[in-house]
Amino acid sequence: MKESSIHIDIVLDENKVPQDIAWSASDSTADMKQKAKALMLAFWDGADKSALRIDLWTKDMMVDEMADFFYQTLMGMADTYQRATQQTEITADMKTFAKDFLKKFKATQLKENK
Protein backbone atom coordinates (compact mmCIF):
# COMPACT_ATOMS: atom_id res chain seq x y z
CA MET A 1 0.00 0.00 0.00
CA LYS A 2 1.27 3.47 -0.89
CA GLU A 3 0.90 6.50 1.36
CA SER A 4 0.60 10.05 0.06
CA SER A 5 0.52 13.33 1.95
CA ILE A 6 -0.47 16.95 1.41
CA HIS A 7 1.20 19.60 3.55
CA ILE A 8 -0.35 23.06 3.99
CA ASP A 9 1.45 26.04 5.58
CA ILE A 10 -0.49 29.10 6.68
CA VAL A 11 1.25 32.32 7.75
CA LEU A 12 -1.00 34.49 9.93
CA ASP A 13 -0.67 38.20 10.66
CA GLU A 14 -0.92 39.67 14.17
CA ASN A 15 -4.75 39.44 13.96
CA LYS A 16 -4.63 35.77 12.93
CA VAL A 17 -5.72 36.60 9.38
CA PRO A 18 -4.05 34.44 6.70
CA GLN A 19 -1.24 36.34 5.01
CA ASP A 20 0.30 33.49 3.00
CA ILE A 21 -0.86 30.01 2.05
CA ALA A 22 1.49 27.43 0.57
CA TRP A 23 1.06 23.73 -0.06
CA SER A 24 3.01 20.74 -1.27
CA ALA A 25 2.05 17.17 -2.07
CA SER A 26 4.21 14.08 -1.97
CA ASP A 27 2.90 12.89 -5.35
CA SER A 28 3.13 16.29 -7.05
CA THR A 29 5.46 16.94 -9.96
CA ALA A 30 6.24 20.39 -8.50
CA ASP A 31 9.59 20.55 -6.71
CA MET A 32 8.70 23.61 -4.59
CA LYS A 33 5.78 24.63 -2.40
CA GLN A 34 2.92 26.12 -4.37
CA LYS A 35 1.43 29.44 -3.30
CA ALA A 36 -2.33 29.94 -3.03
CA LYS A 37 -4.59 32.86 -2.13
CA ALA A 38 -7.40 30.65 -0.81
CA LEU A 39 -8.29 27.11 0.12
CA MET A 40 -11.41 25.09 0.82
CA LEU A 41 -10.89 21.78 2.54
CA ALA A 42 -13.67 19.40 3.57
CA PHE A 43 -13.69 16.07 5.35
CA TRP A 44 -16.67 13.76 5.80
CA ASP A 45 -17.05 12.38 9.33
CA GLY A 46 -18.91 9.12 8.73
CA ALA A 47 -19.56 8.53 12.44
CA ASP A 48 -21.19 11.94 12.98
CA LYS A 49 -22.56 12.18 9.42
CA SER A 50 -21.23 15.72 9.14
CA ALA A 51 -18.85 17.74 7.01
CA LEU A 52 -15.83 19.30 8.66
CA ARG A 53 -14.55 22.28 6.70
CA ILE A 54 -11.70 24.74 6.64
CA ASP A 55 -12.11 27.81 4.41
CA LEU A 56 -9.26 30.31 4.37
CA TRP A 57 -8.25 33.17 2.11
CA THR A 58 -5.47 35.72 2.23
CA LYS A 59 -5.88 39.47 2.65
CA ASP A 60 -4.88 40.05 -0.97
CA MET A 61 -7.59 37.80 -2.44
CA MET A 62 -9.68 40.08 -4.64
CA VAL A 63 -13.48 39.82 -4.79
CA ASP A 64 -13.43 38.87 -8.49
CA GLU A 65 -10.87 36.15 -7.72
CA MET A 66 -13.14 34.84 -4.95
CA ALA A 67 -16.07 34.70 -7.40
CA ASP A 68 -13.95 32.76 -9.92
CA PHE A 69 -12.74 30.46 -7.14
CA PHE A 70 -16.30 29.72 -6.04
CA TYR A 71 -17.46 29.20 -9.64
CA GLN A 72 -14.64 26.76 -10.43
CA THR A 73 -15.12 24.97 -7.08
CA LEU A 74 -18.87 24.61 -7.66
CA MET A 75 -18.27 23.25 -11.18
CA GLY A 76 -15.65 20.84 -9.84
CA MET A 77 -18.01 19.68 -7.10
CA ALA A 78 -20.67 19.02 -9.73
CA ASP A 79 -18.21 16.92 -11.75
CA THR A 80 -17.22 14.98 -8.63
CA TYR A 81 -20.87 14.41 -7.72
CA GLN A 82 -21.53 13.12 -11.27
CA ARG A 83 -18.62 10.66 -11.10
CA ALA A 84 -19.70 9.44 -7.65
CA THR A 85 -23.45 9.13 -8.24
CA GLN A 86 -24.16 9.15 -11.99
CA GLN A 87 -26.98 11.63 -11.21
CA THR A 88 -26.89 13.57 -14.48
CA GLU A 89 -29.95 15.76 -13.85
CA ILE A 90 -28.78 16.89 -10.41
CA THR A 91 -25.29 17.54 -11.80
CA ALA A 92 -26.78 19.71 -14.54
CA ASP A 93 -28.74 21.66 -11.91
CA MET A 94 -25.56 22.23 -9.91
CA LYS A 95 -23.73 23.50 -13.00
CA THR A 96 -26.65 25.77 -13.89
CA PHE A 97 -26.52 27.23 -10.39
CA ALA A 98 -22.75 27.80 -10.71
CA LYS A 99 -23.17 29.55 -14.08
CA ASP A 100 -26.02 31.71 -12.70
CA PHE A 101 -23.88 32.58 -9.68
CA LEU A 102 -21.04 33.84 -11.89
CA LYS A 103 -23.44 35.68 -14.20
CA LYS A 104 -25.07 37.48 -11.24
CA PHE A 105 -21.68 38.32 -9.78
CA LYS A 106 -20.52 39.86 -13.05
CA ALA A 107 -23.77 41.84 -13.38
CA THR A 108 -23.35 43.15 -9.83
CA GLN A 109 -19.75 44.16 -10.57
CA LEU A 110 -20.81 46.04 -13.70
CA LYS A 111 -23.55 47.85 -11.78
CA GLU A 112 -21.20 48.80 -8.93
CA ASN A 113 -18.47 50.04 -11.29
CA LYS A 114 -20.74 52.51 -13.11
C-alpha atoms as a PDB file:
ATOM      1  CA  MET A   1       0.000   0.000   0.000  1.00  0.00           C
ATOM      2  CA  LYS A   2       1.268   3.470  -0.891  1.00  0.00           C
ATOM      3  CA  GLU A   3       0.896   6.499   1.359  1.00  0.00           C
ATOM      4  CA  SER A   4       0.603  10.055   0.062  1.00  0.00           C
ATOM      5  CA  SER A   5       0.520  13.332   1.947  1.00  0.00           C
ATOM      6  CA  ILE A   6      -0.465  16.948   1.412  1.00  0.00           C
ATOM      7  CA  HIS A   7       1.199  19.598   3.550  1.00  0.00           C
ATOM      8  CA  ILE A   8      -0.345  23.064   3.995  1.00  0.00           C
ATOM      9  CA  ASP A   9       1.452  26.040   5.577  1.00  0.00           C
ATOM     10  CA  ILE A  10      -0.489  29.103   6.684  1.00  0.00           C
ATOM     11  CA  VAL A  11       1.253  32.316   7.754  1.00  0.00           C
ATOM     12  CA  LEU A  12      -1.004  34.492   9.927  1.00  0.00           C
ATOM     13  CA  ASP A  13      -0.673  38.201  10.656  1.00  0.00           C
ATOM     14  CA  GLU A  14      -0.921  39.668  14.168  1.00  0.00           C
ATOM     15  CA  ASN A  15      -4.750  39.442  13.963  1.00  0.00           C
ATOM     16  CA  LYS A  16      -4.629  35.770  12.930  1.00  0.00           C
ATOM     17  CA  VAL A  17      -5.719  36.600   9.381  1.00  0.00           C
ATOM     18  CA  PRO A  18      -4.049  34.439   6.704  1.00  0.00           C
ATOM     19  CA  GLN A  19      -1.236  36.343   5.009  1.00  0.00           C
ATOM     20  CA  ASP A  20       0.300  33.492   3.000  1.00  0.00           C
ATOM     21  CA  ILE A  21      -0.864  30.014   2.054  1.00  0.00           C
ATOM     22  CA  ALA A  22       1.493  27.428   0.570  1.00  0.00           C
ATOM     23  CA  TRP A  23       1.059  23.730  -0.062  1.00  0.00           C
ATOM     24  CA  SER A  24       3.006  20.740  -1.270  1.00  0.00           C
ATOM     25  CA  ALA A  25       2.047  17.165  -2.066  1.00  0.00           C
ATOM     26  CA  SER A  26       4.208  14.081  -1.968  1.00  0.00           C
ATOM     27  CA  ASP A  27       2.895  12.894  -5.353  1.00  0.00           C
ATOM     28  CA  SER A  28       3.132  16.293  -7.047  1.00  0.00           C
ATOM     29  CA  THR A  29       5.465  16.942  -9.964  1.00  0.00           C
ATOM     30  CA  ALA A  30       6.238  20.394  -8.503  1.00  0.00           C
ATOM     31  CA  ASP A  31       9.594  20.553  -6.710  1.00  0.00           C
ATOM     32  CA  MET A  32       8.698  23.606  -4.590  1.00  0.00           C
ATOM     33  CA  LYS A  33       5.778  24.626  -2.396  1.00  0.00           C
ATOM     34  CA  GLN A  34       2.921  26.120  -4.374  1.00  0.00           C
ATOM     35  CA  LYS A  35       1.427  29.438  -3.301  1.00  0.00           C
ATOM     36  CA  ALA A  36      -2.326  29.943  -3.027  1.00  0.00           C
ATOM     37  CA  LYS A  37      -4.595  32.857  -2.132  1.00  0.00           C
ATOM     38  CA  ALA A  38      -7.400  30.650  -0.808  1.00  0.00           C
ATOM     39  CA  LEU A  39      -8.286  27.106   0.123  1.00  0.00           C
ATOM     40  CA  MET A  40     -11.412  25.086   0.818  1.00  0.00           C
ATOM     41  CA  LEU A  41     -10.886  21.778   2.540  1.00  0.00           C
ATOM     42  CA  ALA A  42     -13.670  19.405   3.568  1.00  0.00           C
ATOM     43  CA  PHE A  43     -13.691  16.068   5.347  1.00  0.00           C
ATOM     44  CA  TRP A  44     -16.668  13.756   5.805  1.00  0.00           C
ATOM     45  CA  ASP A  45     -17.050  12.382   9.333  1.00  0.00           C
ATOM     46  CA  GLY A  46     -18.906   9.116   8.735  1.00  0.00           C
ATOM     47  CA  ALA A  47     -19.562   8.532  12.439  1.00  0.00           C
ATOM     48  CA  ASP A  48     -21.189  11.939  12.978  1.00  0.00           C
ATOM     49  CA  LYS A  49     -22.560  12.182   9.415  1.00  0.00           C
ATOM     50  CA  SER A  50     -21.233  15.716   9.140  1.00  0.00           C
ATOM     51  CA  ALA A  51     -18.854  17.739   7.014  1.00  0.00           C
ATOM     52  CA  LEU A  52     -15.831  19.300   8.660  1.00  0.00           C
ATOM     53  CA  ARG A  53     -14.546  22.284   6.698  1.00  0.00           C
ATOM     54  CA  ILE A  54     -11.699  24.741   6.637  1.00  0.00           C
ATOM     55  CA  ASP A  55     -12.114  27.808   4.407  1.00  0.00           C
ATOM     56  CA  LEU A  56      -9.256  30.305   4.368  1.00  0.00           C
ATOM     57  CA  TRP A  57      -8.246  33.169   2.105  1.00  0.00           C
ATOM     58  CA  THR A  58      -5.471  35.719   2.227  1.00  0.00           C
ATOM     59  CA  LYS A  59      -5.882  39.465   2.648  1.00  0.00           C
ATOM     60  CA  ASP A  60      -4.879  40.053  -0.967  1.00  0.00           C
ATOM     61  CA  MET A  61      -7.593  37.797  -2.441  1.00  0.00           C
ATOM     62  CA  MET A  62      -9.677  40.083  -4.637  1.00  0.00           C
ATOM     63  CA  VAL A  63     -13.477  39.817  -4.789  1.00  0.00           C
ATOM     64  CA  ASP A  64     -13.430  38.868  -8.487  1.00  0.00           C
ATOM     65  CA  GLU A  65     -10.867  36.153  -7.719  1.00  0.00           C
ATOM     66  CA  MET A  66     -13.141  34.840  -4.952  1.00  0.00           C
ATOM     67  CA  ALA A  67     -16.066  34.697  -7.396  1.00  0.00           C
ATOM     68  CA  ASP A  68     -13.947  32.761  -9.921  1.00  0.00           C
ATOM     69  CA  PHE A  69     -12.735  30.461  -7.138  1.00  0.00           C
ATOM     70  CA  PHE A  70     -16.301  29.720  -6.042  1.00  0.00           C
ATOM     71  CA  TYR A  71     -17.462  29.205  -9.640  1.00  0.00           C
ATOM     72  CA  GLN A  72     -14.644  26.764 -10.427  1.00  0.00           C
ATOM     73  CA  THR A  73     -15.124  24.974  -7.085  1.00  0.00           C
ATOM     74  CA  LEU A  74     -18.873  24.605  -7.664  1.00  0.00           C
ATOM     75  CA  MET A  75     -18.268  23.246 -11.179  1.00  0.00           C
ATOM     76  CA  GLY A  76     -15.649  20.839  -9.840  1.00  0.00           C
ATOM     77  CA  MET A  77     -18.008  19.679  -7.097  1.00  0.00           C
ATOM     78  CA  ALA A  78     -20.671  19.018  -9.734  1.00  0.00           C
ATOM     79  CA  ASP A  79     -18.207  16.915 -11.753  1.00  0.00           C
ATOM     80  CA  THR A  80     -17.221  14.976  -8.630  1.00  0.00           C
ATOM     81  CA  TYR A  81     -20.873  14.405  -7.724  1.00  0.00           C
ATOM     82  CA  GLN A  82     -21.525  13.115 -11.269  1.00  0.00           C
ATOM     83  CA  ARG A  83     -18.622  10.656 -11.103  1.00  0.00           C
ATOM     84  CA  ALA A  84     -19.696   9.441  -7.649  1.00  0.00           C
ATOM     85  CA  THR A  85     -23.448   9.132  -8.239  1.00  0.00           C
ATOM     86  CA  GLN A  86     -24.159   9.146 -11.989  1.00  0.00           C
ATOM     87  CA  GLN A  87     -26.978  11.634 -11.207  1.00  0.00           C
ATOM     88  CA  THR A  88     -26.892  13.572 -14.483  1.00  0.00           C
ATOM     89  CA  GLU A  89     -29.946  15.762 -13.848  1.00  0.00           C
ATOM     90  CA  ILE A  90     -28.777  16.888 -10.411  1.00  0.00           C
ATOM     91  CA  THR A  91     -25.294  17.539 -11.796  1.00  0.00           C
ATOM     92  CA  ALA A  92     -26.780  19.711 -14.540  1.00  0.00           C
ATOM     93  CA  ASP A  93     -28.741  21.658 -11.912  1.00  0.00           C
ATOM     94  CA  MET A  94     -25.564  22.226  -9.912  1.00  0.00           C
ATOM     95  CA  LYS A  95     -23.734  23.496 -12.995  1.00  0.00           C
ATOM     96  CA  THR A  96     -26.655  25.770 -13.891  1.00  0.00           C
ATOM     97  CA  PHE A  97     -26.517  27.227 -10.391  1.00  0.00           C
ATOM     98  CA  ALA A  98     -22.748  27.799 -10.710  1.00  0.00           C
ATOM     99  CA  LYS A  99     -23.175  29.550 -14.076  1.00  0.00           C
ATOM    100  CA  ASP A 100     -26.018  31.712 -12.698  1.00  0.00           C
ATOM    101  CA  PHE A 101     -23.875  32.583  -9.675  1.00  0.00           C
ATOM    102  CA  LEU A 102     -21.037  33.843 -11.889  1.00  0.00           C
ATOM    103  CA  LYS A 103     -23.437  35.678 -14.204  1.00  0.00           C
ATOM    104  CA  LYS A 104     -25.066  37.475 -11.236  1.00  0.00           C
ATOM    105  CA  PHE A 105     -21.675  38.319  -9.776  1.00  0.00           C
ATOM    106  CA  LYS A 106     -20.517  39.858 -13.045  1.00  0.00           C
ATOM    107  CA  ALA A 107     -23.768  41.843 -13.379  1.00  0.00           C
ATOM    108  CA  THR A 108     -23.347  43.151  -9.833  1.00  0.00           C
ATOM    109  CA  GLN A 109     -19.745  44.162 -10.571  1.00  0.00           C
ATOM    110  CA  LEU A 110     -20.812  46.042 -13.699  1.00  0.00           C
ATOM    111  CA  LYS A 111     -23.548  47.848 -11.779  1.00  0.00           C
ATOM    112  CA  GLU A 112     -21.202  48.804  -8.926  1.00  0.00           C
ATOM    113  CA  ASN A 113     -18.466  50.037 -11.293  1.00  0.00           C
ATOM    114  CA  LYS A 114     -20.736  52.515 -13.113  1.00  0.00           C
END
